[in-house]
Amino acid sequence: EAAFGLKEEYGYKDLETALIKSYMSVGVKLNHQKAVSLITMLRNKRMIVQENGRKYTFKPDFHY
């Protein structure tokens, strides 16, 4: 959620970078592989969705 406070939608690489920076700001280090796994989990739980072609957006009203 913190990553999407800066920008409403991201391309995949930008999303990965934003998540790594957001997690780093709270003291959690993510490498590339962990960031990819996190994006996959967020997509599976429909917390982020791919819309507008290849852009990812955050869905605050997600349900799983």
PDB file of N, CA and C in Angstrom:
ATOM      1  N   GLU A   1       0.824  -1.191   0.000  1.00  0.00           N
ATOM      2  CA  GLU A   1       0.000   0.000   0.000  1.00  0.00           C
ATOM      3  C   GLU A   1       0.865   1.251   0.000  1.00  0.00           C
ATOM      4  N   ALA A   2       1.959   1.216   0.745  1.00  0.00           N
ATOM      5  CA  ALA A   2       2.846   2.384   0.806  1.00  0.00           C
ATOM      6  C   ALA A   2       3.432   2.707  -0.561  1.00  0.00           C
ATOM      7  N   ALA A   3       3.743   1.689  -1.333  1.00  0.00           N
ATOM      8  CA  ALA A   3       4.318   1.906  -2.665  1.00  0.00           C
ATOM      9  C   ALA A   3       3.336   2.638  -3.571  1.00  0.00           C
ATOM     10  N   PHE A   4       2.045   2.360  -3.422  1.00  0.00           N
ATOM     11  CA  PHE A   4       1.046   2.986  -4.281  1.00  0.00           C
ATOM     12  C   PHE A   4       0.624   4.359  -3.768  1.00  0.00           C
ATOM     13  N   GLY A   5       1.166   4.777  -2.632  1.00  0.00           N
ATOM     14  CA  GLY A   5       0.932   6.132  -2.156  1.00  0.00           C
ATOM     15  C   GLY A   5       1.689   7.153  -3.000  1.00  0.00           C
ATOM     16  N   LEU A   6       2.751   6.702  -3.641  1.00  0.00           N
ATOM     17  CA  LEU A   6       3.571   7.586  -4.461  1.00  0.00           C
ATOM     18  C   LEU A   6       3.034   7.717  -5.877  1.00  0.00           C
ATOM     19  N   LYS A   7       2.491   6.635  -6.392  1.00  0.00           N
ATOM     20  CA  LYS A   7       2.050   6.571  -7.785  1.00  0.00           C
ATOM     21  C   LYS A   7       0.879   5.597  -7.862  1.00  0.00           C
ATOM     22  N   GLU A   8      -0.090   5.851  -8.721  1.00  0.00           N
ATOM     23  CA  GLU A   8      -1.274   4.992  -8.779  1.00  0.00           C
ATOM     24  C   GLU A   8      -1.060   3.709  -9.556  1.00  0.00           C
ATOM     25  N   GLU A   9      -0.187   3.736 -10.554  1.00  0.00           N
ATOM     26  CA  GLU A   9       0.053   2.526 -11.331  1.00  0.00           C
ATOM     27  C   GLU A   9       1.519   2.420 -11.722  1.00  0.00           C
ATOM     28  N   TYR A  10       1.967   1.185 -11.841  1.00  0.00           N
ATOM     29  CA  TYR A  10       3.368   0.899 -12.129  1.00  0.00           C
ATOM     30  C   TYR A  10       3.488  -0.153 -13.217  1.00  0.00           C
ATOM     31  N   GLY A  11       4.568  -0.066 -13.976  1.00  0.00           N
ATOM     32  CA  GLY A  11       4.983  -1.174 -14.813  1.00  0.00           C
ATOM     33  C   GLY A  11       5.635  -2.198 -13.891  1.00  0.00           C
ATOM     34  N   TYR A  12       5.905  -3.389 -14.388  1.00  0.00           N
ATOM     35  CA  TYR A  12       6.407  -4.469 -13.534  1.00  0.00           C
ATOM     36  C   TYR A  12       7.720  -4.103 -12.844  1.00  0.00           C
ATOM     37  N   LYS A  13       8.693  -3.629 -13.598  1.00  0.00           N
ATOM     38  CA  LYS A  13      10.014  -3.316 -13.028  1.00  0.00           C
ATOM     39  C   LYS A  13       9.909  -2.161 -12.036  1.00  0.00           C
ATOM     40  N   ASP A  14       9.099  -1.152 -12.364  1.00  0.00           N
ATOM     41  CA  ASP A  14       8.905  -0.028 -11.443  1.00  0.00           C
ATOM     42  C   ASP A  14       8.221  -0.485 -10.162  1.00  0.00           C
ATOM     43  N   LEU A  15       7.263  -1.401 -10.284  1.00  0.00           N
ATOM     44  CA  LEU A  15       6.578  -1.942  -9.108  1.00  0.00           C
ATOM     45  C   LEU A  15       7.565  -2.688  -8.223  1.00  0.00           C
ATOM     46  N   GLU A  16       8.400  -3.496  -8.842  1.00  0.00           N
ATOM     47  CA  GLU A  16       9.410  -4.246  -8.083  1.00  0.00           C
ATOM     48  C   GLU A  16      10.317  -3.284  -7.306  1.00  0.00           C
ATOM     49  N   THR A  17      10.799  -2.245  -7.975  1.00  0.00           N
ATOM     50  CA  THR A  17      11.669  -1.260  -7.336  1.00  0.00           C
ATOM     51  C   THR A  17      10.946  -0.531  -6.210  1.00  0.00           C
ATOM     52  N   ALA A  18       9.693  -0.143  -6.432  1.00  0.00           N
ATOM     53  CA  ALA A  18       8.925   0.566  -5.408  1.00  0.00           C
ATOM     54  C   ALA A  18       8.689  -0.314  -4.184  1.00  0.00           C
ATOM     55  N   LEU A  19       8.405  -1.596  -4.393  1.00  0.00           N
ATOM     56  CA  LEU A  19       8.203  -2.508  -3.264  1.00  0.00           C
ATOM     57  C   LEU A  19       9.493  -2.695  -2.472  1.00  0.00           C
ATOM     58  N   ILE A  20      10.610  -2.849  -3.166  1.00  0.00           N
ATOM     59  CA  ILE A  20      11.898  -3.005  -2.483  1.00  0.00           C
ATOM     60  C   ILE A  20      12.192  -1.772  -1.634  1.00  0.00           C
ATOM     61  N   LYS A  21      11.971  -0.579  -2.183  1.00  0.00           N
ATOM     62  CA  LYS A  21      12.219   0.660  -1.432  1.00  0.00           C
ATOM     63  C   LYS A  21      11.257   0.810  -0.262  1.00  0.00           C
ATOM     64  N   SER A  22       9.982   0.464  -0.460  1.00  0.00           N
ATOM     65  CA  SER A  22       8.991   0.579   0.617  1.00  0.00           C
ATOM     66  C   SER A  22       9.314  -0.360   1.769  1.00  0.00           C
ATOM     67  N   TYR A  23       9.683  -1.577   1.444  1.00  0.00           N
ATOM     68  CA  TYR A  23      10.036  -2.536   2.492  1.00  0.00           C
ATOM     69  C   TYR A  23      11.331  -2.134   3.184  1.00  0.00           C
ATOM     70  N   MET A  24      12.277  -1.570   2.428  1.00  0.00           N
ATOM     71  CA  MET A  24      13.534  -1.124   3.017  1.00  0.00           C
ATOM     72  C   MET A  24      13.297   0.003   4.022  1.00  0.00           C
ATOM     73  N   SER A  25      12.296   0.843   3.755  1.00  0.00           N
ATOM     74  CA  SER A  25      12.008   1.967   4.650  1.00  0.00           C
ATOM     75  C   SER A  25      11.515   1.511   6.018  1.00  0.00           C
ATOM     76  N   VAL A  26      11.032   0.274   6.114  1.00  0.00           N
ATOM     77  CA  VAL A  26      10.607  -0.269   7.417  1.00  0.00           C
ATOM     78  C   VAL A  26      11.576  -1.338   7.914  1.00  0.00           C
ATOM     79  N   GLY A  27      12.755  -1.412   7.287  1.00  0.00           N
ATOM     80  CA  GLY A  27      13.804  -2.291   7.776  1.00  0.00           C
ATOM     81  C   GLY A  27      13.797  -3.714   7.256  1.00  0.00           C
ATOM     82  N   VAL A  28      13.052  -3.983   6.181  1.00  0.00           N
ATOM     83  CA  VAL A  28      13.002  -5.334   5.610  1.00  0.00           C
ATOM     84  C   VAL A  28      13.716  -5.305   4.259  1.00  0.00           C
ATOM     85  N   LYS A  29      14.737  -6.153   4.121  1.00  0.00           N
ATOM     86  CA  LYS A  29      15.476  -6.209   2.859  1.00  0.00           C
ATOM     87  C   LYS A  29      14.848  -7.245   1.936  1.00  0.00           C
ATOM     88  N   LEU A  30      14.569  -6.823   0.713  1.00  0.00           N
ATOM     89  CA  LEU A  30      14.053  -7.729  -0.313  1.00  0.00           C
ATOM     90  C   LEU A  30      15.055  -7.778  -1.454  1.00  0.00           C
ATOM     91  N   ASN A  31      15.357  -8.973  -1.925  1.00  0.00           N
ATOM     92  CA  ASN A  31      16.153  -9.080  -3.142  1.00  0.00           C
ATOM     93  C   ASN A  31      15.190  -9.267  -4.313  1.00  0.00           C
ATOM     94  N   HIS A  32      15.724  -9.420  -5.501  1.00  0.00           N
ATOM     95  CA  HIS A  32      14.888  -9.548  -6.700  1.00  0.00           C
ATOM     96  C   HIS A  32      13.920 -10.723  -6.582  1.00  0.00           C
ATOM     97  N   GLN A  33      14.423 -11.891  -6.168  1.00  0.00           N
ATOM     98  CA  GLN A  33      13.583 -13.091  -6.099  1.00  0.00           C
ATOM     99  C   GLN A  33      12.449 -12.932  -5.089  1.00  0.00           C
ATOM    100  N   LYS A  34      12.728 -12.338  -3.937  1.00  0.00           N
ATOM    101  CA  LYS A  34      11.679 -12.134  -2.933  1.00  0.00           C
ATOM    102  C   LYS A  34      10.650 -11.116  -3.415  1.00  0.00           C
ATOM    103  N   ALA A  35      11.109 -10.103  -4.141  1.00  0.00           N
ATOM    104  CA  ALA A  35      10.184  -9.109  -4.681  1.00  0.00           C
ATOM    105  C   ALA A  35       9.259  -9.744  -5.714  1.00  0.00           C
ATOM    106  N   VAL A  36       9.794 -10.620  -6.556  1.00  0.00           N
ATOM    107  CA  VAL A  36       8.979 -11.321  -7.557  1.00  0.00           C
ATOM    108  C   VAL A  36       7.942 -12.198  -6.856  1.00  0.00           C
ATOM    109  N   SER A  37       8.359 -12.906  -5.812  1.00  0.00           N
ATOM    110  CA  SER A  37       7.427 -13.749  -5.053  1.00  0.00           C
ATOM    111  C   SER A  37       6.347 -12.904  -4.389  1.00  0.00           C
ATOM    112  N   LEU A  38       6.724 -11.742  -3.881  1.00  0.00           N
ATOM    113  CA  LEU A  38       5.757 -10.843  -3.248  1.00  0.00           C
ATOM    114  C   LEU A  38       4.734 -10.346  -4.270  1.00  0.00           C
ATOM    115  N   ILE A  39       5.190  -9.961  -5.451  1.00  0.00           N
ATOM    116  CA  ILE A  39       4.275  -9.502  -6.503  1.00  0.00           C
ATOM    117  C   ILE A  39       3.312 -10.618  -6.886  1.00  0.00           C
ATOM    118  N   THR A  40       3.815 -11.839  -7.002  1.00  0.00           N
ATOM    119  CA  THR A  40       2.963 -12.986  -7.331  1.00  0.00           C
ATOM    120  C   THR A  40       1.904 -13.192  -6.257  1.00  0.00           C
ATOM    121  N   MET A  41       2.300 -13.127  -4.988  1.00  0.00           N
ATOM    122  CA  MET A  41       1.350 -13.304  -3.888  1.00  0.00           C
ATOM    123  C   MET A  41       0.302 -12.189  -3.890  1.00  0.00           C
ATOM    124  N   LEU A  42       0.735 -10.952  -4.103  1.00  0.00           N
ATOM    125  CA  LEU A  42      -0.200  -9.823  -4.136  1.00  0.00           C
ATOM    126  C   LEU A  42      -1.188  -9.958  -5.294  1.00  0.00           C
ATOM    127  N   ARG A  43      -0.723 -10.463  -6.436  1.00  0.00           N
ATOM    128  CA  ARG A  43      -1.623 -10.691  -7.576  1.00  0.00           C
ATOM    129  C   ARG A  43      -2.610 -11.811  -7.274  1.00  0.00           C
ATOM    130  N   ASN A  44      -2.128 -12.900  -6.677  1.00  0.00           N
ATOM    131  CA  ASN A  44      -3.001 -14.034  -6.365  1.00  0.00           C
ATOM    132  C   ASN A  44      -4.092 -13.650  -5.378  1.00  0.00           C
ATOM    133  N   LYS A  45      -3.782 -12.779  -4.443  1.00  0.00           N
ATOM    134  CA  LYS A  45      -4.766 -12.329  -3.457  1.00  0.00           C
ATOM    135  C   LYS A  45      -5.581 -11.144  -3.967  1.00  0.00           C
ATOM    136  N   ARG A  46      -5.323 -10.754  -5.205  1.00  0.00           N
ATOM    137  CA  ARG A  46      -6.011  -9.647  -5.870  1.00  0.00           C
ATOM    138  C   ARG A  46      -5.847  -8.321  -5.131  1.00  0.00           C
ATOM    139  N   MET A  47      -4.729  -8.173  -4.441  1.00  0.00           N
ATOM    140  CA  MET A  47      -4.409  -6.908  -3.790  1.00  0.00           C
ATOM    141  C   MET A  47      -3.885  -5.914  -4.826  1.00  0.00           C
ATOM    142  N   ILE A  48      -3.236  -6.446  -5.861  1.00  0.00           N
ATOM    143  CA  ILE A  48      -2.858  -5.636  -7.014  1.00  0.00           C
ATOM    144  C   ILE A  48      -3.398  -6.342  -8.250  1.00  0.00           C
ATOM    145  N   VAL A  49      -3.810  -5.562  -9.219  1.00  0.00           N
ATOM    146  CA  VAL A  49      -4.332  -6.133 -10.459  1.00  0.00           C
ATOM    147  C   VAL A  49      -3.641  -5.469 -11.640  1.00  0.00           C
ATOM    148  N   GLN A  50      -3.578  -6.207 -12.727  1.00  0.00           N
ATOM    149  CA  GLN A  50      -2.952  -5.700 -13.938  1.00  0.00           C
ATOM    150  C   GLN A  50      -4.049  -5.136 -14.826  1.00  0.00           C
ATOM    151  N   GLU A  51      -3.998  -3.830 -15.021  1.00  0.00           N
ATOM    152  CA  GLU A  51      -4.985  -3.141 -15.848  1.00  0.00           C
ATOM    153  C   GLU A  51      -4.256  -2.217 -16.812  1.00  0.00           C
ATOM    154  N   ASN A  52      -4.995  -1.643 -17.723  1.00  0.00           N
ATOM    155  CA  ASN A  52      -4.435  -0.673 -18.673  1.00  0.00           C
ATOM    156  C   ASN A  52      -3.212  -1.240 -19.391  1.00  0.00           C
ATOM    157  N   GLY A  53      -3.373  -2.407 -19.929  1.00  0.00           N
ATOM    158  CA  GLY A  53      -2.250  -3.033 -20.620  1.00  0.00           C
ATOM    159  C   GLY A  53      -1.345  -3.766 -19.657  1.00  0.00           C
ATOM    160  N   ARG A  54      -0.189  -3.195 -19.368  1.00  0.00           N
ATOM    161  CA  ARG A  54       0.782  -3.872 -18.520  1.00  0.00           C
ATOM    162  C   ARG A  54       0.972  -3.159 -17.189  1.00  0.00           C
ATOM    163  N   LYS A  55       0.091  -2.272 -16.809  1.00  0.00           N
ATOM    164  CA  LYS A  55       0.249  -1.501 -15.582  1.00  0.00           C
ATOM    165  C   LYS A  55      -0.454  -2.191 -14.417  1.00  0.00           C
ATOM    166  N   TYR A  56       0.169  -2.114 -13.246  1.00  0.00           N
ATOM    167  CA  TYR A  56      -0.389  -2.703 -12.032  1.00  0.00           C
ATOM    168  C   TYR A  56      -0.962  -1.599 -11.155  1.00  0.00           C
ATOM    169  N   THR A  57      -2.148  -1.848 -10.596  1.00  0.00           N
ATOM    170  CA  THR A  57      -2.767  -0.899  -9.684  1.00  0.00           C
ATOM    171  C   THR A  57      -3.156  -1.609  -8.397  1.00  0.00           C
ATOM    172  N   PHE A  58      -3.211  -0.841  -7.306  1.00  0.00           N
ATOM    173  CA  PHE A  58      -3.575  -1.360  -5.993  1.00  0.00           C
ATOM    174  C   PHE A  58      -5.089  -1.312  -5.845  1.00  0.00           C
ATOM    175  N   LYS A  59      -5.666  -2.377  -5.303  1.00  0.00           N
ATOM    176  CA  LYS A  59      -7.103  -2.426  -5.055  1.00  0.00           C
ATOM    177  C   LYS A  59      -7.336  -2.416  -3.548  1.00  0.00           C
ATOM    178  N   PRO A  60      -7.700  -1.264  -2.979  1.00  0.00           N
ATOM    179  CA  PRO A  60      -7.876  -1.182  -1.525  1.00  0.00           C
ATOM    180  C   PRO A  60      -9.048  -2.016  -1.010  1.00  0.00           C
ATOM    181  N   ASP A  61      -9.987  -2.380  -1.875  1.00  0.00           N
ATOM    182  CA  ASP A  61     -11.144  -3.175  -1.444  1.00  0.00           C
ATOM    183  C   ASP A  61     -10.984  -4.644  -1.830  1.00  0.00           C
ATOM    184  N   PHE A  62      -9.733  -5.145  -1.775  1.00  0.00           N
ATOM    185  CA  PHE A  62      -9.455  -6.532  -2.164  1.00  0.00           C
ATOM    186  C   PHE A  62     -10.135  -7.514  -1.215  1.00  0.00           C
ATOM    187  N   HIS A  63     -10.475  -8.678  -1.750  1.00  0.00           N
ATOM    188  CA  HIS A  63     -11.055  -9.774  -0.961  1.00  0.00           C
ATOM    189  C   HIS A  63     -10.379 -11.060  -1.379  1.00  0.00           C
ATOM    190  N   TYR A  64     -10.128 -11.936  -0.404  1.00  0.00           N
ATOM    191  CA  TYR A  64      -9.558 -13.241  -0.730  1.00  0.00           C
ATOM    192  C   TYR A  64     -10.192 -14.329   0.063  1.00  0.00           C
TER     193      TYR A  64
END
